[in-house]
C-alpha cells in the first residue's frame, strides 16, 4: 500500500512539473545580473565604462535593437 501511495505522489509531482513547463511563456527573455550602475563622481573629460552581462533565458532569439544611456 505504501508503494502505491509513493508512486502516486511521484507521478503527481511529475505531472505538475510538466504542466508548469507547458505554461511557460514562449519567446525571448532578457536576464541581466544588474540593471544599473553608478560611477559616482567622475571628472569631466574622463572616459568610463562598465560591462553589463545580459543573456537570453527564453526559447526564441533575443534582439537588442536600442540601448539608451541615462
Protein backbone atom coordinates (compact mmCIF):
# COMPACT_ATOMS: atom_id res chain seq x y z
CA UNK A 1 0.00 0.00 0.00
CA UNK A 2 2.85 2.39 0.84
CA UNK A 3 4.43 1.69 -2.55
CA UNK A 4 1.23 2.68 -4.35
CA UNK A 5 0.99 5.89 -2.30
CA UNK A 6 4.60 6.89 -3.07
CA UNK A 7 4.16 6.03 -6.73
CA UNK A 8 1.05 8.22 -6.84
CA UNK A 9 2.89 11.12 -5.18
CA UNK A 10 5.83 10.88 -7.59
CA UNK A 11 3.50 10.62 -10.59
CA UNK A 12 1.50 13.66 -9.43
CA UNK A 13 4.73 15.66 -8.97
CA UNK A 14 5.92 14.75 -12.46
CA UNK A 15 2.59 15.72 -14.00
CA UNK A 16 2.57 19.03 -12.12
CA UNK A 17 6.10 19.80 -13.33
CA UNK A 18 5.13 19.05 -16.91
CA UNK A 19 2.07 21.27 -16.62
CA UNK A 20 4.15 24.16 -15.27
CA UNK A 21 6.64 23.80 -18.10
CA UNK A 22 3.80 23.94 -20.62
CA UNK A 23 2.59 27.21 -19.05
CA UNK A 24 5.95 28.95 -19.51
CA UNK A 25 5.70 31.82 -21.93
CA UNK A 26 7.38 31.41 -25.28
CA UNK A 27 9.71 33.97 -26.76
CA UNK A 28 12.88 35.76 -25.69
CA UNK A 29 13.52 36.61 -22.06
CA UNK A 30 16.25 39.08 -21.16
CA UNK A 31 18.17 38.30 -17.98
CA UNK A 32 20.66 40.78 -16.51
CA UNK A 33 22.70 40.41 -13.32
CA UNK A 34 22.38 44.16 -12.74
CA UNK A 35 20.17 46.75 -14.42
CA UNK A 36 22.02 49.91 -13.38
CA UNK A 37 25.50 51.01 -12.38
CA UNK A 38 26.57 54.22 -10.61
CA UNK A 39 30.03 55.55 -11.46
CA UNK A 40 29.82 58.05 -8.64
CA UNK A 41 31.62 61.36 -9.17
CA UNK A 42 33.53 61.48 -12.45
CA UNK A 43 35.84 64.29 -13.50
CA UNK A 44 34.66 65.89 -16.74
CA UNK A 45 36.53 64.51 -19.74
CA UNK A 46 37.31 61.18 -18.04
CA UNK A 47 36.24 58.17 -20.06
CA UNK A 48 34.45 55.50 -18.04
CA UNK A 49 32.93 52.15 -18.98
CA UNK A 50 31.07 49.27 -17.43
CA UNK A 51 30.13 45.86 -18.82
CA UNK A 52 26.59 44.61 -18.29
CA UNK A 53 26.19 40.85 -18.60
CA UNK A 54 22.98 40.04 -20.46
CA UNK A 55 21.73 36.65 -21.58
CA UNK A 56 18.65 35.22 -23.22
CA UNK A 57 16.72 32.94 -20.86
CA UNK A 58 13.91 32.39 -23.36
CA UNK A 59 13.34 29.89 -26.10
CA UNK A 60 13.46 32.27 -29.10
CA UNK A 61 16.16 34.69 -30.31
CA UNK A 62 16.61 37.92 -28.35
CA UNK A 63 17.26 41.01 -30.49
CA UNK A 64 18.53 44.12 -28.69
CA UNK A 65 17.68 46.95 -31.06
CA UNK A 66 18.42 50.03 -28.97
CA UNK A 67 20.30 50.98 -25.79
CA UNK A 68 19.71 54.33 -24.11
CA UNK A 69 22.19 55.58 -21.50
CA UNK A 70 20.87 57.90 -18.83
